PDB file of N, CA and C in Angstrom:
ATOM      1  N   MET A   1       6.538  -9.192   6.329  1.00  0.00           N
ATOM      2  CA  MET A   1       6.223  -7.880   6.585  1.00  0.00           C
ATOM      3  C   MET A   1       6.912  -7.315   7.500  1.00  0.00           C
ATOM      4  N   SER A   2       7.521  -6.145   7.280  1.00  0.00           N
ATOM      5  CA  SER A   2       7.879  -5.228   8.417  1.00  0.00           C
ATOM      6  C   SER A   2       7.166  -3.736   8.294  1.00  0.00           C
ATOM      7  N   ILE A   3       7.186  -3.424   9.444  1.00  0.00           N
ATOM      8  CA  ILE A   3       6.734  -2.015   9.696  1.00  0.00           C
ATOM      9  C   ILE A   3       7.287  -1.002  10.362  1.00  0.00           C
ATOM     10  N   THR A   4       8.107  -0.058  10.009  1.00  0.00           N
ATOM     11  CA  THR A   4       8.907   0.898  10.844  1.00  0.00           C
ATOM     12  C   THR A   4       8.102   2.369  10.905  1.00  0.00           C
ATOM     13  N   VAL A   5       8.165   2.960  12.316  1.00  0.00           N
ATOM     14  CA  VAL A   5       7.458   4.254  12.488  1.00  0.00           C
ATOM     15  C   VAL A   5       8.525   5.113  13.089  1.00  0.00           C
ATOM     16  N   THR A   6       8.756   6.122  12.410  1.00  0.00           N
ATOM     17  CA  THR A   6       9.583   7.132  12.957  1.00  0.00           C
ATOM     18  C   THR A   6       8.738   8.315  13.223  1.00  0.00           C
ATOM     19  N   LEU A   7       9.104   8.887  14.507  1.00  0.00           N
ATOM     20  CA  LEU A   7       8.277  10.077  14.824  1.00  0.00           C
ATOM     21  C   LEU A   7       9.057  11.383  14.825  1.00  0.00           C
ATOM     22  N   ALA A   8       8.774  12.457  14.427  1.00  0.00           N
ATOM     23  CA  ALA A   8       9.327  13.773  14.515  1.00  0.00           C
ATOM     24  C   ALA A   8       9.383  14.041  16.160  1.00  0.00           C
ATOM     25  N   PRO A   9      10.761  14.618  16.471  1.00  0.00           N
ATOM     26  CA  PRO A   9      10.898  15.041  17.907  1.00  0.00           C
ATOM     27  C   PRO A   9       9.867  16.073  18.422  1.00  0.00           C
ATOM     28  N   THR A  10       9.323  17.212  17.597  1.00  0.00           N
ATOM     29  CA  THR A  10       8.989  18.275  17.935  1.00  0.00           C
ATOM     30  C   THR A  10       7.524  18.361  17.407  1.00  0.00           C
ATOM     31  N   ALA A  11       7.162  17.801  16.309  1.00  0.00           N
ATOM     32  CA  ALA A  11       5.922  17.995  15.760  1.00  0.00           C
ATOM     33  C   ALA A  11       4.975  16.666  15.988  1.00  0.00           C
ATOM     34  N   ARG A  12       3.762  16.939  15.566  1.00  0.00           N
ATOM     35  CA  ARG A  12       2.972  15.597  15.470  1.00  0.00           C
ATOM     36  C   ARG A  12       2.941  15.028  14.040  1.00  0.00           C
ATOM     37  N   VAL A  13       4.229  14.435  13.716  1.00  0.00           N
ATOM     38  CA  VAL A  13       4.344  13.624  12.144  1.00  0.00           C
ATOM     39  C   VAL A  13       5.051  12.420  12.478  1.00  0.00           C
ATOM     40  N   ALA A  14       4.672  11.765  11.646  1.00  0.00           N
ATOM     41  CA  ALA A  14       4.896  10.426  11.661  1.00  0.00           C
ATOM     42  C   ALA A  14       5.521   9.884  10.431  1.00  0.00           C
ATOM     43  N   MET A  15       6.467   8.930  10.164  1.00  0.00           N
ATOM     44  CA  MET A  15       6.899   8.122   9.055  1.00  0.00           C
ATOM     45  C   MET A  15       6.624   6.815   9.071  1.00  0.00           C
ATOM     46  N   VAL A  16       5.828   6.180   8.315  1.00  0.00           N
ATOM     47  CA  VAL A  16       5.773   4.871   8.435  1.00  0.00           C
ATOM     48  C   VAL A  16       6.294   4.095   7.151  1.00  0.00           C
ATOM     49  N   ARG A  17       7.101   3.219   7.239  1.00  0.00           N
ATOM     50  CA  ARG A  17       7.775   2.685   6.169  1.00  0.00           C
ATOM     51  C   ARG A  17       6.969   0.842   6.013  1.00  0.00           C
ATOM     52  N   ILE A  18       6.654   0.576   5.236  1.00  0.00           N
ATOM     53  CA  ILE A  18       5.909  -0.988   5.198  1.00  0.00           C
ATOM     54  C   ILE A  18       6.755  -1.395   3.990  1.00  0.00           C
ATOM     55  N   LYS A  19       6.944  -2.822   4.228  1.00  0.00           N
ATOM     56  CA  LYS A  19       7.980  -3.346   3.270  1.00  0.00           C
ATOM     57  C   LYS A  19       7.115  -5.057   3.325  1.00  0.00           C
ATOM     58  N   GLY A  20       7.657  -5.531   2.170  1.00  0.00           N
ATOM     59  CA  GLY A  20       6.967  -7.064   2.205  1.00  0.00           C
ATOM     60  C   GLY A  20       5.758  -7.448   1.722  1.00  0.00           C
ATOM     61  N   ASP A  21       5.319  -8.539   2.008  1.00  0.00           N
ATOM     62  CA  ASP A  21       3.933  -8.748   1.738  1.00  0.00           C
ATOM     63  C   ASP A  21       3.109  -8.508   2.978  1.00  0.00           C
ATOM     64  N   VAL A  22       2.104  -7.555   2.706  1.00  0.00           N
ATOM     65  CA  VAL A  22       1.222  -6.893   3.571  1.00  0.00           C
ATOM     66  C   VAL A  22      -0.255  -8.050   3.810  1.00  0.00           C
ATOM     67  N   ASP A  23       0.138  -9.058   4.582  1.00  0.00           N
ATOM     68  CA  ASP A  23      -0.941 -10.203   4.707  1.00  0.00           C
ATOM     69  C   ASP A  23      -1.113 -10.289   6.174  1.00  0.00           C
ATOM     70  N   LEU A  24      -2.287  -9.587   6.478  1.00  0.00           N
ATOM     71  CA  LEU A  24      -2.742  -9.401   7.845  1.00  0.00           C
ATOM     72  C   LEU A  24      -3.278 -10.741   8.353  1.00  0.00           C
ATOM     73  N   LEU A  25      -3.607 -11.840   7.534  1.00  0.00           N
ATOM     74  CA  LEU A  25      -4.344 -12.968   7.994  1.00  0.00           C
ATOM     75  C   LEU A  25      -3.040 -13.865   8.957  1.00  0.00           C
ATOM     76  N   ASP A  26      -1.912 -13.541   8.871  1.00  0.00           N
ATOM     77  CA  ASP A  26      -0.881 -14.293   9.945  1.00  0.00           C
ATOM     78  C   ASP A  26      -0.948 -13.603  11.332  1.00  0.00           C
ATOM     79  N   PRO A  27      -1.095 -14.178  12.302  1.00  0.00           N
ATOM     80  CA  PRO A  27      -1.267 -13.417  13.549  1.00  0.00           C
ATOM     81  C   PRO A  27      -0.041 -12.627  13.865  1.00  0.00           C
ATOM     82  N   ARG A  28       1.060 -12.941  13.539  1.00  0.00           N
ATOM     83  CA  ARG A  28       2.152 -12.382  13.661  1.00  0.00           C
ATOM     84  C   ARG A  28       2.283 -10.896  13.286  1.00  0.00           C
ATOM     85  N   ASP A  29       1.763 -11.143  12.019  1.00  0.00           N
ATOM     86  CA  ASP A  29       1.432  -9.549  11.241  1.00  0.00           C
ATOM     87  C   ASP A  29       0.396  -8.712  11.903  1.00  0.00           C
ATOM     88  N   VAL A  30      -0.662  -9.363  12.346  1.00  0.00           N
ATOM     89  CA  VAL A  30      -1.841  -8.687  12.910  1.00  0.00           C
ATOM     90  C   VAL A  30      -1.213  -7.822  13.999  1.00  0.00           C
ATOM     91  N   ASN A  31      -0.427  -8.855  15.056  1.00  0.00           N
ATOM     92  CA  ASN A  31       0.190  -8.363  16.242  1.00  0.00           C
ATOM     93  C   ASN A  31       1.112  -7.121  16.030  1.00  0.00           C
ATOM     94  N   LEU A  32       1.923  -7.226  15.034  1.00  0.00           N
ATOM     95  CA  LEU A  32       2.972  -6.154  14.792  1.00  0.00           C
ATOM     96  C   LEU A  32       2.384  -5.176  14.124  1.00  0.00           C
ATOM     97  N   ALA A  33       1.405  -5.156  13.348  1.00  0.00           N
ATOM     98  CA  ALA A  33       0.560  -3.951  12.768  1.00  0.00           C
ATOM     99  C   ALA A  33      -0.194  -3.532  13.811  1.00  0.00           C
ATOM    100  N   ARG A  34      -0.606  -3.942  14.943  1.00  0.00           N
ATOM    101  CA  ARG A  34      -1.173  -3.254  16.216  1.00  0.00           C
ATOM    102  C   ARG A  34      -0.592  -2.815  16.973  1.00  0.00           C
ATOM    103  N   ARG A  35       0.831  -3.013  17.140  1.00  0.00           N
ATOM    104  CA  ARG A  35       1.964  -2.650  18.151  1.00  0.00           C
ATOM    105  C   ARG A  35       2.305  -1.232  17.265  1.00  0.00           C
ATOM    106  N   ARG A  36       2.533  -1.198  16.016  1.00  0.00           N
ATOM    107  CA  ARG A  36       2.944  -0.236  15.283  1.00  0.00           C
ATOM    108  C   ARG A  36       2.120   0.889  15.224  1.00  0.00           C
ATOM    109  N   LEU A  37       0.750   0.668  15.138  1.00  0.00           N
ATOM    110  CA  LEU A  37      -0.444   1.608  15.213  1.00  0.00           C
ATOM    111  C   LEU A  37      -0.356   2.338  16.325  1.00  0.00           C
ATOM    112  N   ALA A  38       0.070   1.801  17.648  1.00  0.00           N
ATOM    113  CA  ALA A  38      -0.060   2.502  18.654  1.00  0.00           C
ATOM    114  C   ALA A  38       1.101   3.884  19.007  1.00  0.00           C
ATOM    115  N   PHE A  39       2.230   3.611  18.029  1.00  0.00           N
ATOM    116  CA  PHE A  39       3.175   4.482  18.176  1.00  0.00           C
ATOM    117  C   PHE A  39       2.693   6.076  17.533  1.00  0.00           C
ATOM    118  N   ILE A  40       1.680   5.850  16.517  1.00  0.00           N
ATOM    119  CA  ILE A  40       1.203   6.971  15.665  1.00  0.00           C
ATOM    120  C   ILE A  40       0.447   8.081  16.428  1.00  0.00           C
ATOM    121  N   PRO A  41       0.692   9.092  16.698  1.00  0.00           N
ATOM    122  CA  PRO A  41       0.080   9.862  17.536  1.00  0.00           C
ATOM    123  C   PRO A  41      -1.049  10.624  16.785  1.00  0.00           C
ATOM    124  N   PRO A  42      -2.348  10.679  17.544  1.00  0.00           N
ATOM    125  CA  PRO A  42      -3.603  11.057  17.023  1.00  0.00           C
ATOM    126  C   PRO A  42      -3.755  12.388  16.662  1.00  0.00           C
ATOM    127  N   ALA A  43      -4.200  12.676  15.577  1.00  0.00           N
ATOM    128  CA  ALA A  43      -4.437  13.866  14.884  1.00  0.00           C
ATOM    129  C   ALA A  43      -2.942  14.344  14.577  1.00  0.00           C
ATOM    130  N   GLY A  44      -2.344  13.524  14.149  1.00  0.00           N
ATOM    131  CA  GLY A  44      -1.099  14.083  13.618  1.00  0.00           C
ATOM    132  C   GLY A  44      -0.786  13.795  11.970  1.00  0.00           C
ATOM    133  N   THR A  45      -0.124  14.084  11.386  1.00  0.00           N
ATOM    134  CA  THR A  45       0.136  14.030   9.807  1.00  0.00           C
ATOM    135  C   THR A  45       1.306  12.849   9.761  1.00  0.00           C
ATOM    136  N   VAL A  46       0.640  11.765   8.705  1.00  0.00           N
ATOM    137  CA  VAL A  46       1.210  10.326   8.677  1.00  0.00           C
ATOM    138  C   VAL A  46       1.938  10.438   7.248  1.00  0.00           C
ATOM    139  N   HIS A  47       3.049  10.115   6.872  1.00  0.00           N
ATOM    140  CA  HIS A  47       3.602   9.905   5.769  1.00  0.00           C
ATOM    141  C   HIS A  47       3.648   8.398   5.665  1.00  0.00           C
ATOM    142  N   VAL A  48       3.155   7.486   4.644  1.00  0.00           N
ATOM    143  CA  VAL A  48       3.392   6.086   4.526  1.00  0.00           C
ATOM    144  C   VAL A  48       4.341   5.829   3.238  1.00  0.00           C
ATOM    145  N   ASP A  49       5.410   5.186   3.111  1.00  0.00           N
ATOM    146  CA  ASP A  49       6.358   4.798   2.369  1.00  0.00           C
ATOM    147  C   ASP A  49       5.851   3.325   2.003  1.00  0.00           C
ATOM    148  N   LEU A  50       5.436   3.162   0.598  1.00  0.00           N
ATOM    149  CA  LEU A  50       4.854   1.784   0.503  1.00  0.00           C
ATOM    150  C   LEU A  50       5.792   1.108  -0.836  1.00  0.00           C
ATOM    151  N   SER A  51       7.021   2.023  -0.921  1.00  0.00           N
ATOM    152  CA  SER A  51       8.040   1.450  -2.314  1.00  0.00           C
ATOM    153  C   SER A  51       8.545   0.213  -1.786  1.00  0.00           C
ATOM    154  N   GLY A  52       8.575  -0.524  -0.472  1.00  0.00           N
ATOM    155  CA  GLY A  52       9.057  -1.710  -0.348  1.00  0.00           C
ATOM    156  C   GLY A  52       8.138  -2.728  -0.207  1.00  0.00           C
ATOM    157  N   VAL A  53       6.715  -2.318  -0.641  1.00  0.00           N
ATOM    158  CA  VAL A  53       5.434  -3.468  -0.581  1.00  0.00           C
ATOM    159  C   VAL A  53       5.758  -4.278  -1.804  1.00  0.00           C
ATOM    160  N   THR A  54       5.773  -5.800  -1.556  1.00  0.00           N
ATOM    161  CA  THR A  54       5.780  -6.538  -2.893  1.00  0.00           C
ATOM    162  C   THR A  54       4.286  -7.201  -3.183  1.00  0.00           C
ATOM    163  N   PHE A  55       3.482  -6.960  -2.251  1.00  0.00           N
ATOM    164  CA  PHE A  55       2.005  -7.481  -2.247  1.00  0.00           C
ATOM    165  C   PHE A  55       1.421  -6.616  -1.224  1.00  0.00           C
ATOM    166  N   GLY A  56      -0.038  -5.906  -1.798  1.00  0.00           N
ATOM    167  CA  GLY A  56      -0.635  -5.324  -0.902  1.00  0.00           C
ATOM    168  C   GLY A  56      -1.927  -5.468  -1.272  1.00  0.00           C
ATOM    169  N   GLY A  57      -2.931  -5.956  -0.596  1.00  0.00           N
ATOM    170  CA  GLY A  57      -4.379  -6.281  -1.110  1.00  0.00           C
ATOM    171  C   GLY A  57      -5.242  -5.624  -0.017  1.00  0.00           C
ATOM    172  N   SER A  58      -6.192  -6.448   0.284  1.00  0.00           N
ATOM    173  CA  SER A  58      -7.285  -5.669   1.070  1.00  0.00           C
ATOM    174  C   SER A  58      -6.925  -5.671   2.529  1.00  0.00           C
ATOM    175  N   ALA A  59      -5.664  -6.415   3.056  1.00  0.00           N
ATOM    176  CA  ALA A  59      -5.183  -5.945   4.352  1.00  0.00           C
ATOM    177  C   ALA A  59      -4.426  -5.003   4.457  1.00  0.00           C
ATOM    178  N   LEU A  60      -3.819  -4.457   3.700  1.00  0.00           N
ATOM    179  CA  LEU A  60      -3.380  -3.101   3.364  1.00  0.00           C
ATOM    180  C   LEU A  60      -4.216  -1.820   3.220  1.00  0.00           C
ATOM    181  N   VAL A  61      -5.114  -1.963   2.597  1.00  0.00           N
ATOM    182  CA  VAL A  61      -6.342  -1.066   2.445  1.00  0.00           C
ATOM    183  C   VAL A  61      -6.766  -0.882   3.853  1.00  0.00           C
ATOM    184  N   HIS A  62      -7.030  -2.077   4.776  1.00  0.00           N
ATOM    185  CA  HIS A  62      -7.558  -1.888   5.806  1.00  0.00           C
ATOM    186  C   HIS A  62      -6.666  -1.098   6.882  1.00  0.00           C
ATOM    187  N   TYR A  63      -5.348  -1.591   6.966  1.00  0.00           N
ATOM    188  CA  TYR A  63      -4.363  -0.795   7.817  1.00  0.00           C
ATOM    189  C   TYR A  63      -4.387   0.621   7.159  1.00  0.00           C
ATOM    190  N   LEU A  64      -4.345   0.988   6.024  1.00  0.00           N
ATOM    191  CA  LEU A  64      -4.113   2.398   5.530  1.00  0.00           C
ATOM    192  C   LEU A  64      -5.501   3.185   6.058  1.00  0.00           C
ATOM    193  N   ALA A  65      -6.468   2.763   6.055  1.00  0.00           N
ATOM    194  CA  ALA A  65      -7.645   3.143   6.592  1.00  0.00           C
ATOM    195  C   ALA A  65      -7.442   3.469   7.918  1.00  0.00           C
ATOM    196  N   GLU A  66      -7.152   2.453   8.948  1.00  0.00           N
ATOM    197  CA  GLU A  66      -6.907   2.743  10.163  1.00  0.00           C
ATOM    198  C   GLU A  66      -5.998   3.599  10.658  1.00  0.00           C
ATOM    199  N   LEU A  67      -4.670   3.746   9.641  1.00  0.00           N
ATOM    200  CA  LEU A  67      -3.722   4.910   9.735  1.00  0.00           C
ATOM    201  C   LEU A  67      -4.521   6.196   9.574  1.00  0.00           C
ATOM    202  N   ALA A  68      -5.459   6.315   8.374  1.00  0.00           N
ATOM    203  CA  ALA A  68      -5.880   7.537   8.240  1.00  0.00           C
ATOM    204  C   ALA A  68      -7.001   7.953   9.169  1.00  0.00           C
ATOM    205  N   ARG A  69      -7.796   7.051   9.946  1.00  0.00           N
ATOM    206  CA  ARG A  69      -8.905   6.960  10.946  1.00  0.00           C
ATOM    207  C   ARG A  69      -7.926   8.318  12.248  1.00  0.00           C
ATOM    208  N   ARG A  70      -6.721   7.442  12.281  1.00  0.00           N
ATOM    209  CA  ARG A  70      -5.829   8.052  13.506  1.00  0.00           C
ATOM    210  C   ARG A  70      -5.288   9.336  13.065  1.00  0.00           C
ATOM    211  N   ALA A  71      -5.116   9.583  11.893  1.00  0.00           N
ATOM    212  CA  ALA A  71      -4.222  10.937  11.854  1.00  0.00           C
ATOM    213  C   ALA A  71      -5.664  11.850  11.615  1.00  0.00           C
ATOM    214  N   MET A  72      -6.778  11.655  11.408  1.00  0.00           N
ATOM    215  CA  MET A  72      -7.801  12.906  11.459  1.00  0.00           C
ATOM    216  C   MET A  72      -7.836  13.570  12.637  1.00  0.00           C
ATOM    217  N   PRO A  73      -7.535  15.179  12.231  1.00  0.00           N
ATOM    218  CA  PRO A  73      -8.119  15.639  11.039  1.00  0.00           C
ATOM    219  C   PRO A  73      -6.938  16.124  10.182  1.00  0.00           C
ATOM    220  N   ALA A  74      -5.734  15.694  10.793  1.00  0.00           N
ATOM    221  CA  ALA A  74      -4.590  15.876   9.706  1.00  0.00           C
ATOM    222  C   ALA A  74      -4.499  14.741   8.683  1.00  0.00           C
ATOM    223  N   ALA A  75      -3.420  14.988   7.655  1.00  0.00           N
ATOM    224  CA  ALA A  75      -3.649  13.938   6.570  1.00  0.00           C
ATOM    225  C   ALA A  75      -2.887  12.739   6.723  1.00  0.00           C
ATOM    226  N   LEU A  76      -3.216  11.908   5.886  1.00  0.00           N
ATOM    227  CA  LEU A  76      -2.502  10.646   5.639  1.00  0.00           C
ATOM    228  C   LEU A  76      -1.743  10.720   4.247  1.00  0.00           C
ATOM    229  N   HIS A  77      -0.521  10.772   4.280  1.00  0.00           N
ATOM    230  CA  HIS A  77      -0.097  10.787   2.768  1.00  0.00           C
ATOM    231  C   HIS A  77       0.449   9.407   2.172  1.00  0.00           C
ATOM    232  N   VAL A  78       0.146   9.012   1.346  1.00  0.00           N
ATOM    233  CA  VAL A  78       0.718   7.637   0.887  1.00  0.00           C
ATOM    234  C   VAL A  78       1.609   8.036  -0.587  1.00  0.00           C
ATOM    235  N   TYR A  79       3.095   7.106  -0.504  1.00  0.00           N
ATOM    236  CA  TYR A  79       3.871   7.214  -1.423  1.00  0.00           C
ATOM    237  C   TYR A  79       4.218   5.951  -2.113  1.00  0.00           C
ATOM    238  N   GLY A  80       4.565   5.867  -3.308  1.00  0.00           N
ATOM    239  CA  GLY A  80       5.523   4.391  -3.630  1.00  0.00           C
ATOM    240  C   GLY A  80       4.467   3.517  -3.872  1.00  0.00           C
ATOM    241  N   ALA A  81       3.172   3.542  -4.157  1.00  0.00           N
ATOM    242  CA  ALA A  81       2.430   2.263  -4.191  1.00  0.00           C
ATOM    243  C   ALA A  81       2.337   2.127  -5.745  1.00  0.00           C
ATOM    244  N   ARG A  82       3.146   0.889  -6.204  1.00  0.00           N
ATOM    245  CA  ARG A  82       3.522   0.758  -7.644  1.00  0.00           C
ATOM    246  C   ARG A  82       2.531  -0.493  -7.910  1.00  0.00           C
ATOM    247  N   GLY A  83       2.468  -0.714  -9.260  1.00  0.00           N
ATOM    248  CA  GLY A  83       2.028  -1.694  -9.902  1.00  0.00           C
ATOM    249  C   GLY A  83       0.406  -2.176  -9.253  1.00  0.00           C
ATOM    250  N   MET A  84       0.593  -3.546  -8.972  1.00  0.00           N
ATOM    251  CA  MET A  84      -0.868  -4.151  -8.445  1.00  0.00           C
ATOM    252  C   MET A  84      -1.182  -3.241  -7.052  1.00  0.00           C
ATOM    253  N   THR A  85      -0.245  -2.937  -6.514  1.00  0.00           N
ATOM    254  CA  THR A  85      -0.556  -2.374  -4.939  1.00  0.00           C
ATOM    255  C   THR A  85      -1.192  -0.832  -5.336  1.00  0.00           C
ATOM    256  N   GLY A  86      -0.763  -0.377  -6.149  1.00  0.00           N
ATOM    257  CA  GLY A  86      -1.401   0.997  -6.637  1.00  0.00           C
ATOM    258  C   GLY A  86      -2.923   0.940  -7.301  1.00  0.00           C
ATOM    259  N   THR A  87      -2.796  -0.096  -8.229  1.00  0.00           N
ATOM    260  CA  THR A  87      -4.360  -0.271  -8.555  1.00  0.00           C
ATOM    261  C   THR A  87      -5.324  -0.820  -7.432  1.00  0.00           C
ATOM    262  N   VAL A  88      -4.667  -1.461  -6.606  1.00  0.00           N
ATOM    263  CA  VAL A  88      -5.733  -1.882  -5.456  1.00  0.00           C
ATOM    264  C   VAL A  88      -6.141  -0.821  -4.828  1.00  0.00           C
ATOM    265  N   LEU A  89      -5.138   0.042  -4.554  1.00  0.00           N
ATOM    266  CA  LEU A  89      -5.636   1.136  -3.585  1.00  0.00           C
ATOM    267  C   LEU A  89      -6.672   2.253  -4.391  1.00  0.00           C
ATOM    268  N   ASP A  90      -6.340   2.398  -5.697  1.00  0.00           N
ATOM    269  CA  ASP A  90      -7.199   3.367  -6.615  1.00  0.00           C
ATOM    270  C   ASP A  90      -8.659   2.614  -6.395  1.00  0.00           C
ATOM    271  N   MET A  91      -8.670   1.110  -6.841  1.00  0.00           N
ATOM    272  CA  MET A  91     -10.004   0.436  -6.774  1.00  0.00           C
ATOM    273  C   MET A  91     -10.650   0.806  -5.818  1.00  0.00           C
ATOM    274  N   ALA A  92      -9.817   0.691  -4.087  1.00  0.00           N
ATOM    275  CA  ALA A  92     -10.647   0.487  -2.974  1.00  0.00           C
ATOM    276  C   ALA A  92     -10.936   2.334  -2.819  1.00  0.00           C
ATOM    277  N   ARG A  93     -10.727   3.120  -3.621  1.00  0.00           N
ATOM    278  CA  ARG A  93     -10.768   4.631  -3.384  1.00  0.00           C
ATOM    279  C   ARG A  93     -10.280   5.234  -2.039  1.00  0.00           C
ATOM    280  N   MET A  94      -8.806   4.749  -2.065  1.00  0.00           N
ATOM    281  CA  MET A  94      -7.850   5.247  -1.117  1.00  0.00           C
ATOM    282  C   MET A  94      -8.199   6.880  -1.047  1.00  0.00           C
ATOM    283  N   GLY A  95      -8.059   7.261  -2.386  1.00  0.00           N
ATOM    284  CA  GLY A  95      -7.991   8.785  -2.428  1.00  0.00           C
ATOM    285  C   GLY A  95      -9.037   9.455  -1.734  1.00  0.00           C
ATOM    286  N   GLU A  96      -9.976   8.806  -1.272  1.00  0.00           N
ATOM    287  CA  GLU A  96     -11.192   9.854  -0.504  1.00  0.00           C
ATOM    288  C   GLU A  96     -10.860   9.848   0.794  1.00  0.00           C
ATOM    289  N   VAL A  97      -9.669   9.153   1.512  1.00  0.00           N
ATOM    290  CA  VAL A  97      -9.291   9.211   2.766  1.00  0.00           C
ATOM    291  C   VAL A  97      -7.656   9.652   3.158  1.00  0.00           C
ATOM    292  N   ALA A  98      -6.944   9.608   1.891  1.00  0.00           N
ATOM    293  CA  ALA A  98      -5.705   9.821   1.819  1.00  0.00           C
ATOM    294  C   ALA A  98      -5.249  10.431   0.721  1.00  0.00           C
ATOM    295  N   VAL A  99      -4.107  11.166   0.910  1.00  0.00           N
ATOM    296  CA  VAL A  99      -3.520  12.024  -0.189  1.00  0.00           C
ATOM    297  C   VAL A  99      -2.550  10.968  -0.834  1.00  0.00           C
ATOM    298  N   LEU A 100      -3.092  10.460  -2.445  1.00  0.00           N
ATOM    299  CA  LEU A 100      -2.025   9.403  -2.910  1.00  0.00           C
ATOM    300  C   LEU A 100      -1.099  10.040  -3.588  1.00  0.00           C
ATOM    301  N   HIS A 101       0.187  10.085  -3.534  1.00  0.00           N
ATOM    302  CA  HIS A 101       1.113  10.595  -4.127  1.00  0.00           C
ATOM    303  C   HIS A 101       1.366   9.595  -5.282  1.00  0.00           C
ATOM    304  N   GLY A 102       2.265  10.461  -6.529  1.00  0.00           N
ATOM    305  CA  GLY A 102       2.553   9.646  -7.534  1.00  0.00           C
ATOM    306  C   GLY A 102       3.135   8.256  -7.111  1.00  0.00           C
ATOM    307  N   ARG A 103       2.954   7.503  -8.115  1.00  0.00           N
ATOM    308  CA  ARG A 103       3.337   5.703  -7.887  1.00  0.00           C
ATOM    309  C   ARG A 103       5.036   5.698  -7.672  1.00  0.00           C
ATOM    310  N   THR A 104       5.606   6.650  -8.442  1.00  0.00           N
ATOM    311  CA  THR A 104       7.254   6.689  -8.486  1.00  0.00           C
ATOM    312  C   THR A 104       7.619   7.721  -7.572  1.00  0.00           C
ATOM    313  N   GLU A 105       6.784   8.529  -6.856  1.00  0.00           N
ATOM    314  CA  GLU A 105       7.007   9.561  -5.844  1.00  0.00           C
ATOM    315  C   GLU A 105       7.885   8.944  -4.742  1.00  0.00           C
ATOM    316  N   SER A 106       8.582   9.466  -4.268  1.00  0.00           N
ATOM    317  CA  SER A 106       9.271   8.928  -2.874  1.00  0.00           C
ATOM    318  C   SER A 106       8.433   9.737  -1.750  1.00  0.00           C
ATOM    319  N   ALA A 107       8.978   9.157  -0.422  1.00  0.00           N
ATOM    320  CA  ALA A 107       8.234   9.966   0.610  1.00  0.00           C
ATOM    321  C   ALA A 107       9.385  11.087   0.813  1.00  0.00           C
ATOM    322  N   PRO A 108       8.849  12.309   1.424  1.00  0.00           N
ATOM    323  CA  PRO A 108       9.618  13.335   1.822  1.00  0.00           C
ATOM    324  C   PRO A 108      10.914  12.899   2.576  1.00  0.00           C
ATOM    325  N   HIS A 109      11.813  13.840   2.428  1.00  0.00           N
ATOM    326  CA  HIS A 109      13.280  13.490   3.196  1.00  0.00           C
ATOM    327  C   HIS A 109      13.156  14.947   4.268  1.00  0.00           C
ATOM    328  N   SER A 110      13.131  14.571   5.132  1.00  0.00           N
ATOM    329  CA  SER A 110      13.081  15.524   6.573  1.00  0.00           C
ATOM    330  C   SER A 110      13.677  14.660   7.753  1.00  0.00           C
ATOM    331  N   PRO A 111      13.851  15.359   8.796  1.00  0.00           N
ATOM    332  CA  PRO A 111      14.360  14.841  10.057  1.00  0.00           C
ATOM    333  C   PRO A 111      13.222  13.814  10.537  1.00  0.00           C
ATOM    334  N   VAL A 112      12.115  13.743  10.239  1.00  0.00           N
ATOM    335  CA  VAL A 112      11.476  12.407  10.555  1.00  0.00           C
ATOM    336  C   VAL A 112      11.220  11.491   9.665  1.00  0.00           C
ATOM    337  N   CYS A 113      11.575  11.690   8.236  1.00  0.00           N
ATOM    338  CA  CYS A 113      11.967  11.094   7.182  1.00  0.00           C
ATOM    339  C   CYS A 113      13.254  11.128   6.495  1.00  0.00           C
ATOM    340  N   PRO A 114      14.042  10.219   7.111  1.00  0.00           N
ATOM    341  CA  PRO A 114      15.423  10.419   6.374  1.00  0.00           C
ATOM    342  C   PRO A 114      15.547   9.412   5.424  1.00  0.00           C
TER     343      PRO A 114
END
């Protein structure tokens, strides 16, 4: 699993790209996820690109819920949740805490989202 966080230089906007299997049972992944969460500005808009996720289950749902909590009252935008990952997010009702964009829709391109 890899998590990359890019911050906008002047705005409270973050782009998070998650790749690989999201399995937060591995202590190394838990540590990585916590370190990356510290980069997210409180009350800022967060865009999450899941197009590189090969497996995303309950650990991904939990991590996205933490990102949504951190972003409040701004929005969490989730892009590229394909296949089973998209189904898991739908079943977990992530649409109640995040804006779920189309499964084939890419994250926006901007200075923070290259």
